[in-house]
C-alpha atoms as a PDB file:
ATOM      1  CA  MET A   1      67.499  71.292  77.698  1.00  0.00           C
ATOM      2  CA  SER A   2      69.621  68.621  79.032  1.00  0.00           C
ATOM      3  CA  ILE A   3      73.128  70.038  78.571  1.00  0.00           C
ATOM      4  CA  ASP A   4      74.761  66.378  78.175  1.00  0.00           C
ATOM      5  CA  ILE A   5      72.472  65.918  75.006  1.00  0.00           C
ATOM      6  CA  VAL A   6      73.775  69.144  73.332  1.00  0.00           C
ATOM      7  CA  VAL A   7      77.869  68.391  74.609  1.00  0.00           C
ATOM      8  CA  ASN A   8      77.216  65.215  73.100  1.00  0.00           C
ATOM      9  CA  ALA A   9      76.059  66.574  69.813  1.00  0.00           C
ATOM     10  CA  LEU A  10      78.685  69.204  69.994  1.00  0.00           C
ATOM     11  CA  LYS A  11      81.387  66.449  70.269  1.00  0.00           C
ATOM     12  CA  SER A  12      80.302  64.596  67.369  1.00  0.00           C
ATOM     13  CA  ILE A  13      81.564  67.803  65.129  1.00  0.00           C
ATOM     14  CA  ALA A  14      84.392  68.742  67.683  1.00  0.00           C
ATOM     15  CA  LYS A  15      87.754  69.667  66.034  1.00  0.00           C
ATOM     16  CA  PRO A  16      90.107  66.706  65.942  1.00  0.00           C
ATOM     17  CA  VAL A  17      93.595  67.498  67.868  1.00  0.00           C
ATOM     18  CA  GLY A  18      95.672  69.011  65.055  1.00  0.00           C
ATOM     19  CA  SER A  19      93.175  69.660  62.588  1.00  0.00           C
ATOM     20  CA  LEU A  20      92.610  72.961  60.911  1.00  0.00           C
ATOM     21  CA  VAL A  21      90.328  75.088  62.456  1.00  0.00           C
ATOM     22  CA  ILE A  22      87.426  75.480  60.269  1.00  0.00           C
ATOM     23  CA  ASN A  23      86.468  78.773  58.446  1.00  0.00           C
ATOM     24  CA  GLN A  24      83.734  81.320  59.645  1.00  0.00           C
ATOM     25  CA  VAL A  25      81.349  80.439  57.209  1.00  0.00           C
ATOM     26  CA  GLN A  26      81.192  76.852  57.799  1.00  0.00           C
ATOM     27  CA  ARG A  27      80.957  77.548  61.386  1.00  0.00           C
ATOM     28  CA  ASN A  28      78.090  79.688  61.265  1.00  0.00           C
ATOM     29  CA  GLU A  29      76.088  77.184  59.454  1.00  0.00           C
ATOM     30  CA  THR A  30      76.662  74.722  61.854  1.00  0.00           C
ATOM     31  CA  VAL A  31      75.962  76.939  64.840  1.00  0.00           C
ATOM     32  CA  VAL A  32      72.848  77.614  63.065  1.00  0.00           C
ATOM     33  CA  ARG A  33      72.128  73.973  62.207  1.00  0.00           C
ATOM     34  CA  THR A  34      72.637  72.984  65.925  1.00  0.00           C
ATOM     35  CA  LEU A  35      70.551  75.605  67.246  1.00  0.00           C
ATOM     36  CA  LYS A  36      67.677  74.571  65.203  1.00  0.00           C
ATOM     37  CA  GLN A  37      68.323  71.090  65.916  1.00  0.00           C
ATOM     38  CA  PHE A  38      67.502  71.720  69.539  1.00  0.00           C
ATOM     39  CA  ASN A  39      64.771  73.923  68.518  1.00  0.00           C
ATOM     40  CA  PHE A  40      66.442  77.152  69.032  1.00  0.00           C
ATOM     41  CA  ASP A  41      65.787  80.298  67.245  1.00  0.00           C
ATOM     42  CA  PRO A  42      68.934  81.325  65.775  1.00  0.00           C
ATOM     43  CA  VAL A  43      67.586  85.166  66.044  1.00  0.00           C
ATOM     44  CA  GLN A  44      65.762  85.130  69.302  1.00  0.00           C
ATOM     45  CA  PRO A  45      67.537  83.210  72.299  1.00  0.00           C
ATOM     46  CA  PRO A  46      65.455  82.227  75.030  1.00  0.00           C
ATOM     47  CA  LYS A  47      64.595  84.150  78.242  1.00  0.00           C
ATOM     48  CA  ASP A  48      65.598  81.851  81.403  1.00  0.00           C
ATOM     49  CA  VAL A  49      69.200  81.692  82.496  1.00  0.00           C
ATOM     50  CA  ASP A  50      69.631  77.454  81.982  1.00  0.00           C
ATOM     51  CA  GLY A  51      68.492  78.215  78.113  1.00  0.00           C
ATOM     52  CA  VAL A  52      70.830  81.209  77.589  1.00  0.00           C
ATOM     53  CA  TYR A  53      73.477  78.780  78.953  1.00  0.00           C
ATOM     54  CA  VAL A  54      72.754  76.041  76.646  1.00  0.00           C
ATOM     55  CA  TYR A  55      72.278  78.461  73.637  1.00  0.00           C
ATOM     56  CA  SER A  56      75.856  80.258  74.211  1.00  0.00           C
ATOM     57  CA  LEU A  57      77.457  76.813  74.820  1.00  0.00           C
ATOM     58  CA  ILE A  58      76.187  76.159  71.183  1.00  0.00           C
ATOM     59  CA  GLU A  59      77.449  79.352  69.857  1.00  0.00           C
ATOM     60  CA  TYR A  60      80.747  78.728  71.688  1.00  0.00           C
ATOM     61  CA  GLY A  61      81.735  74.954  71.414  1.00  0.00           C
ATOM     62  CA  VAL A  62      81.150  74.640  67.542  1.00  0.00           C
ATOM     63  CA  GLY A  63      84.848  73.403  66.604  1.00  0.00           C
ATOM     64  CA  LYS A  64      86.102  73.098  70.124  1.00  0.00           C
ATOM     65  CA  PRO A  65      87.723  70.087  71.218  1.00  0.00           C
ATOM     66  CA  GLU A  66      86.118  67.510  73.254  1.00  0.00           C
ATOM     67  CA  VAL A  67      87.892  68.513  76.804  1.00  0.00           C
ATOM     68  CA  ILE A  68      86.804  71.804  76.608  1.00  0.00           C
ATOM     69  CA  LEU A  69      83.309  70.670  75.998  1.00  0.00           C
ATOM     70  CA  ASN A  70      83.290  68.327  78.789  1.00  0.00           C
ATOM     71  CA  LEU A  71      84.715  71.104  81.375  1.00  0.00           C
ATOM     72  CA  PHE A  72      81.235  73.314  80.535  1.00  0.00           C
ATOM     73  CA  ARG A  73      78.902  70.256  80.610  1.00  0.00           C
ATOM     74  CA  GLU A  74      79.531  69.996  85.032  1.00  0.00           C
ATOM     75  CA  ARG A  75      76.782  71.360  87.036  1.00  0.00           C
ATOM     76  CA  GLU A  76      79.906  72.826  89.522  1.00  0.00           C
ATOM     77  CA  ILE A  77      81.159  74.945  86.409  1.00  0.00           C
ATOM     78  CA  LYS A  78      77.591  76.125  85.218  1.00  0.00           C
ATOM     79  CA  ASN A  79      76.698  77.096  88.857  1.00  0.00           C
ATOM     80  CA  ALA A  80      80.072  78.824  89.359  1.00  0.00           C
ATOM     81  CA  PHE A  81      79.658  80.961  86.160  1.00  0.00           C
ATOM     82  CA  TRP A  82      76.271  82.330  86.972  1.00  0.00           C
ATOM     83  CA  SER A  83      77.418  83.152  90.526  1.00  0.00           C
ATOM     84  CA  ALA A  84      80.396  84.811  88.906  1.00  0.00           C
ATOM     85  CA  TYR A  85      78.066  86.568  86.476  1.00  0.00           C
ATOM     86  CA  THR A  86      75.383  87.914  89.222  1.00  0.00           C
ATOM     87  CA  SER A  87      78.272  88.960  91.335  1.00  0.00           C
ATOM     88  CA  ASN A  88      80.546  90.685  88.145  1.00  0.00           C
ATOM     89  CA  ASN A  89      83.068  88.586  89.616  1.00  0.00           C
ATOM     90  CA  PRO A  90      84.667  86.875  86.552  1.00  0.00           C
ATOM     91  CA  LEU A  91      88.070  86.305  88.380  1.00  0.00           C
ATOM     92  CA  GLY A  92      85.782  84.361  91.341  1.00  0.00           C
ATOM     93  CA  PHE A  93      84.805  81.783  88.042  1.00  0.00           C
ATOM     94  CA  TYR A  94      88.485  81.304  87.093  1.00  0.00           C
ATOM     95  CA  LYS A  95      89.736  80.563  90.538  1.00  0.00           C
ATOM     96  CA  GLU A  96      86.652  77.851  90.928  1.00  0.00           C
ATOM     97  CA  VAL A  97      87.088  76.586  88.011  1.00  0.00           C
ATOM     98  CA  GLU A  98      90.876  75.894  88.831  1.00  0.00           C
ATOM     99  CA  LYS A  99      89.704  74.585  92.192  1.00  0.00           C
ATOM    100  CA  PHE A 100      87.269  72.174  90.460  1.00  0.00           C
ATOM    101  CA  LEU A 101      90.109  70.706  88.354  1.00  0.00           C
ATOM    102  CA  GLN A 102      92.739  69.953  90.839  1.00  0.00           C
ATOM    103  CA  GLY A 103      93.466  66.285  90.877  1.00  0.00           C
ATOM    104  CA  LYS A 104      90.836  65.390  87.910  1.00  0.00           C
ATOM    105  CA  ASP A 105      91.972  63.750  85.064  1.00  0.00           C
ATOM    106  CA  LEU A 106      90.189  66.339  83.018  1.00  0.00           C
ATOM    107  CA  ALA A 107      92.934  68.571  84.572  1.00  0.00           C
ATOM    108  CA  TYR A 108      95.509  66.508  82.938  1.00  0.00           C
ATOM    109  CA  ASP A 109      93.874  66.172  79.545  1.00  0.00           C
ATOM    110  CA  ILE A 110      93.655  70.259  79.303  1.00  0.00           C
ATOM    111  CA  ARG A 111      97.249  70.429  80.069  1.00  0.00           C
ATOM    112  CA  LEU A 112      98.128  67.516  77.449  1.00  0.00           C
ATOM    113  CA  LEU A 113      96.206  69.752  74.711  1.00  0.00           C
ATOM    114  CA  ARG A 114      97.902  72.744  76.009  1.00  0.00           C
ATOM    115  CA  ILE A 115      94.713  74.983  75.916  1.00  0.00           C
ATOM    116  CA  GLU A 116      94.488  78.006  78.017  1.00  0.00           C
ATOM    117  CA  VAL A 117      91.468  77.698  80.278  1.00  0.00           C
ATOM    118  CA  ARG A 118      91.563  81.133  80.998  1.00  0.00           C
ATOM    119  CA  SER A 119      91.079  82.716  77.384  1.00  0.00           C
ATOM    120  CA  GLN A 120      88.294  79.800  77.105  1.00  0.00           C
ATOM    121  CA  LEU A 121      86.499  80.635  80.135  1.00  0.00           C
ATOM    122  CA  GLU A 122      86.621  84.423  79.043  1.00  0.00           C
ATOM    123  CA  GLU A 123      85.366  83.563  75.851  1.00  0.00           C
ATOM    124  CA  PHE A 124      82.266  81.200  76.905  1.00  0.00           C
ATOM    125  CA  GLY A 125      81.538  84.295  79.025  1.00  0.00           C
ATOM    126  CA  GLU A 126      81.735  86.977  76.321  1.00  0.00           C
ATOM    127  CA  ILE A 127      79.681  84.758  74.374  1.00  0.00           C
ATOM    128  CA  PHE A 128      76.809  84.433  77.205  1.00  0.00           C
ATOM    129  CA  ILE A 129      76.858  88.229  77.773  1.00  0.00           C
ATOM    130  CA  GLN A 130      76.208  88.664  74.002  1.00  0.00           C
ATOM    131  CA  VAL A 131      73.310  85.896  73.894  1.00  0.00           C
ATOM    132  CA  ALA A 132      71.911  87.465  77.136  1.00  0.00           C
ATOM    133  CA  LYS A 133      71.530  90.902  75.915  1.00  0.00           C
ATOM    134  CA  ARG A 134      70.009  89.403  72.752  1.00  0.00           C
ATOM    135  CA  SER A 135      67.293  87.384  74.788  1.00  0.00           C
ATOM    136  CA  LYS A 136      65.947  91.025  75.979  1.00  0.00           C
ATOM    137  CA  SER A 137      65.350  89.717  79.412  1.00  0.00           C
ATOM    138  CA  LYS A 138      66.160  91.849  82.537  1.00  0.00           C
ATOM    139  CA  GLU A 139      67.345  89.058  84.396  1.00  0.00           C
ATOM    140  CA  PHE A 140      70.620  89.375  83.179  1.00  0.00           C
ATOM    141  CA  GLU A 141      71.033  92.660  83.746  1.00  0.00           C
ATOM    142  CA  PRO A 142      73.482  94.673  85.001  1.00  0.00           C
ATOM    143  CA  PHE A 143      75.806  92.928  82.218  1.00  0.00           C
ATOM    144  CA  PRO A 144      79.121  92.404  83.905  1.00  0.00           C
ATOM    145  CA  GLN A 145      82.601  93.081  82.546  1.00  0.00           C
ATOM    146  CA  TRP A 146      83.872  89.759  81.700  1.00  0.00           C
ATOM    147  CA  ASN A 147      87.484  90.091  81.927  1.00  0.00           C
ATOM    148  CA  LEU A 148      89.449  86.992  83.571  1.00  0.00           C
ATOM    149  CA  ASP A 149      92.784  88.841  83.411  1.00  0.00           C
ATOM    150  CA  GLU A 150      94.375  90.770  86.763  1.00  0.00           C
ATOM    151  CA  TYR A 151      95.603  92.645  84.329  1.00  0.00           C
ATOM    152  CA  PRO A 152      93.639  95.413  82.187  1.00  0.00           C
ATOM    153  CA  ALA A 153      91.702  94.680  79.150  1.00  0.00           C
ATOM    154  CA  GLU A 154      93.721  97.606  77.351  1.00  0.00           C
ATOM    155  CA  PHE A 155      96.889  95.518  77.828  1.00  0.00           C
ATOM    156  CA  LYS A 156      95.609  92.158  77.222  1.00  0.00           C
ATOM    157  CA  SER A 157      96.333  91.785  73.377  1.00  0.00           C
ATOM    158  CA  LEU A 158      99.660  93.544  73.500  1.00  0.00           C
ATOM    159  CA  ILE A 159     100.627  91.094  76.237  1.00  0.00           C
ATOM    160  CA  ARG A 160      99.343  87.784  74.457  1.00  0.00           C
ATOM    161  CA  GLU A 161     101.311  89.029  71.012  1.00  0.00           C
ATOM    162  CA  LYS A 162     104.478  89.988  72.914  1.00  0.00           C
ATOM    163  CA  ILE A 163     104.676  85.941  74.685  1.00  0.00           C
ATOM    164  CA  ARG A 164     103.023  84.192  71.980  1.00  0.00           C
ATOM    165  CA  SER A 165     106.587  82.552  70.657  1.00  0.00           C
ATOM    166  CA  PHE A 166     108.389  83.643  73.889  1.00  0.00           C
ATOM    167  CA  CYS A 167     111.069  81.040  75.104  1.00  0.00           C
ATOM    168  CA  GLY A 168     114.189  80.641  77.089  1.00  0.00           C
ATOM    169  CA  ARG A 169     115.259  83.455  79.406  1.00  0.00           C
ATOM    170  CA  LYS A 170     114.962  81.329  82.389  1.00  0.00           C
ATOM    171  CA  PHE A 171     117.895  83.169  84.118  1.00  0.00           C
ATOM    172  CA  VAL A 172     116.465  86.409  84.188  1.00  0.00           C
ATOM    173  CA  PHE A 173     113.132  85.079  85.657  1.00  0.00           C
ATOM    174  CA  GLU A 174     115.349  83.412  88.143  1.00  0.00           C
ATOM    175  CA  ALA A 175     117.135  86.830  89.033  1.00  0.00           C
ATOM    176  CA  PHE A 176     113.711  88.496  89.443  1.00  0.00           C
ATOM    177  CA  LYS A 177     112.714  85.713  91.889  1.00  0.00           C
ATOM    178  CA  GLN A 178     115.961  86.235  93.710  1.00  0.00           C
ATOM    179  CA  PHE A 179     115.164  90.075  94.181  1.00  0.00           C
ATOM    180  CA  CYS A 180     111.850  89.577  95.379  1.00  0.00           C
ATOM    181  CA  ASP A 181     113.024  86.899  98.030  1.00  0.00           C
ATOM    182  CA  LYS A 182     115.767  89.101  99.350  1.00  0.00           C
ATOM    183  CA  ASN A 183     113.755  92.615  99.315  1.00  0.00           C
ATOM    184  CA  ARG A 184     110.509  93.050 100.751  1.00  0.00           C
ATOM    185  CA  SER A 185     110.351  96.297  98.424  1.00  0.00           C
ATOM    186  CA  GLY A 186     112.044  98.200  95.978  1.00  0.00           C
ATOM    187  CA  TYR A 187     112.414  98.622  91.906  1.00  0.00           C
ATOM    188  CA  LEU A 188     114.230  95.951  89.782  1.00  0.00           C
ATOM    189  CA  THR A 189     115.045  97.872  86.493  1.00  0.00           C
ATOM    190  CA  ILE A 190     115.838  95.697  83.115  1.00  0.00           C
ATOM    191  CA  LEU A 191     118.381  97.866  80.858  1.00  0.00           C
ATOM    192  CA  GLY A 192     118.730  97.004  77.221  1.00  0.00           C
ATOM    193  CA  ASP A 193     118.841  98.473  73.830  1.00  0.00           C
ATOM    194  CA  ALA A 194     116.064  98.891  71.786  1.00  0.00           C
ATOM    195  CA  GLY A 195     114.366  95.476  70.438  1.00  0.00           C
ATOM    196  CA  MET A 196     116.105  93.363  72.889  1.00  0.00           C
ATOM    197  CA  GLY A 197     112.853  91.882  74.555  1.00  0.00           C
ATOM    198  CA  LYS A 198     112.726  94.043  77.521  1.00  0.00           C
ATOM    199  CA  SER A 199     108.575  94.942  77.104  1.00  0.00           C
ATOM    200  CA  THR A 200     108.191  90.903  76.037  1.00  0.00           C
ATOM    201  CA  ILE A 201     110.209  89.611  79.667  1.00  0.00           C
ATOM    202  CA  ALA A 202     107.779  92.532  81.330  1.00  0.00           C
ATOM    203  CA  ALA A 203     104.705  91.259  79.684  1.00  0.00           C
ATOM    204  CA  LYS A 204     105.828  87.151  80.124  1.00  0.00           C
ATOM    205  CA  TYR A 205     106.438  88.001  84.032  1.00  0.00           C
ATOM    206  CA  VAL A 206     102.979  89.695  84.141  1.00  0.00           C
ATOM    207  CA  TRP A 207     101.277  86.819  82.553  1.00  0.00           C
ATOM    208  CA  ASP A 208     102.989  83.605  84.436  1.00  0.00           C
ATOM    209  CA  ASN A 209     102.171  85.817  88.011  1.00  0.00           C
ATOM    210  CA  LYS A 210      99.159  87.721  87.212  1.00  0.00           C
ATOM    211  CA  SER A 211     100.759  90.938  88.993  1.00  0.00           C
ATOM    212  CA  PRO A 212      99.577  94.722  88.366  1.00  0.00           C
ATOM    213  CA  CYS A 213     100.950  96.014  85.360  1.00  0.00           C
ATOM    214  CA  TYR A 214     101.131  99.164  83.049  1.00  0.00           C
ATOM    215  CA  PHE A 215     102.809  99.457  79.919  1.00  0.00           C
ATOM    216  CA  ASN A 216     103.918 103.147  78.560  1.00  0.00           C
ATOM    217  CA  ILE A 217     102.578 103.191  74.715  1.00  0.00           C
ATOM    218  CA  ARG A 218     103.681 106.406  73.831  1.00  0.00           C
ATOM    219  CA  SER A 219     101.849 105.877  70.110  1.00  0.00           C
ATOM    220  CA  ASP A 220      98.544 105.052  72.156  1.00  0.00           C
ATOM    221  CA  GLY A 221      98.686 107.760  74.240  1.00  0.00           C
ATOM    222  CA  ARG A 222      99.342 105.925  77.182  1.00  0.00           C
ATOM    223  CA  ASN A 223     102.518 107.548  78.675  1.00  0.00           C
ATOM    224  CA  ARG A 224     100.903 109.808  81.210  1.00  0.00           C
ATOM    225  CA  ALA A 225     100.988 109.845  85.063  1.00  0.00           C
ATOM    226  CA  GLU A 226      97.728 110.580  85.824  1.00  0.00           C
ATOM    227  CA  LEU A 227      96.511 107.341  83.222  1.00  0.00           C
ATOM    228  CA  PHE A 228      99.061 104.971  84.689  1.00  0.00           C
ATOM    229  CA  LEU A 229      97.438 105.835  88.371  1.00  0.00           C
ATOM    230  CA  ASP A 230      94.318 105.294  87.379  1.00  0.00           C
ATOM    231  CA  SER A 231      94.924 101.908  86.024  1.00  0.00           C
ATOM    232  CA  ILE A 232      96.829 100.745  88.913  1.00  0.00           C
ATOM    233  CA  ARG A 233      94.488 101.810  91.412  1.00  0.00           C
ATOM    234  CA  LYS A 234      91.446 100.090  89.287  1.00  0.00           C
ATOM    235  CA  GLN A 235      93.622  96.646  89.293  1.00  0.00           C
ATOM    236  CA  LEU A 236      94.353  97.002  93.060  1.00  0.00           C
ATOM    237  CA  ILE A 237      90.623  97.568  93.866  1.00  0.00           C
ATOM    238  CA  LYS A 238      89.989  94.474  91.448  1.00  0.00           C
ATOM    239  CA  ARG A 239      92.470  92.183  93.082  1.00  0.00           C
ATOM    240  CA  TYR A 240      91.900  93.138  96.626  1.00  0.00           C
ATOM    241  CA  GLN A 241      88.286  93.963  96.790  1.00  0.00           C
ATOM    242  CA  LEU A 242      88.799  97.366  97.928  1.00  0.00           C
ATOM    243  CA  GLN A 243      85.638  99.445  98.982  1.00  0.00           C
ATOM    244  CA  ASN A 244      85.108 103.483  98.455  1.00  0.00           C
ATOM    245  CA  VAL A 245      88.730 103.976  97.336  1.00  0.00           C
ATOM    246  CA  GLN A 246      87.946 104.904  93.469  1.00  0.00           C
ATOM    247  CA  ASN A 247      89.328 108.361  93.723  1.00  0.00           C
ATOM    248  CA  ALA A 248      92.241 107.353  96.316  1.00  0.00           C
ATOM    249  CA  ASN A 249      95.823 108.846  95.502  1.00  0.00           C
END
């Protein structure tokens, strides 16, 4: 099955820029109709890698802008995805995509539409894993943990909610930079009354700099030292590909 033919079909039903998102029922119907158009079984996906990739692209791509569909049709992107999948290295996929986009018109188009590439790559990967599981093929095992963020998944929704409407505070981040430029180590503390935006500033810094993080959330029980240590350890292991330090203090 040619990816180009499938992408062209998806582009014919792509969401126009600025239009409202189609509702879930309409989307599901379009996905099923498109799968059948290319002789896929809407219930039982194929078992081969190429087939699952195209099948996943249909489930993912209905309603997506043309520019993001054009990204996933590239052979280099497909190869980078499978390499990251088999090595359980989703961040490697993100970095390969960033490298691929450097200097290309496609990168400009993505920025123009303010598309968050990382979240799109993550969404596709999660759909691919779901389809792979339904295929019941051993070729896709073990299934990776598809988290493209260097910060832990348990804080992802909190960070995205905090920064959703963030603006301003440029002077704060300039102060952060000055501190880091002048000090090789140490602590920078943000002080302020409740509701002043301390957590939002921290979330924005983490998002922009992909830095290790831990948010104390008493209501979720995430305010114990051992939880902090476990989370930070996992982040450092993932970031620096450390070996045999799962229990290091």
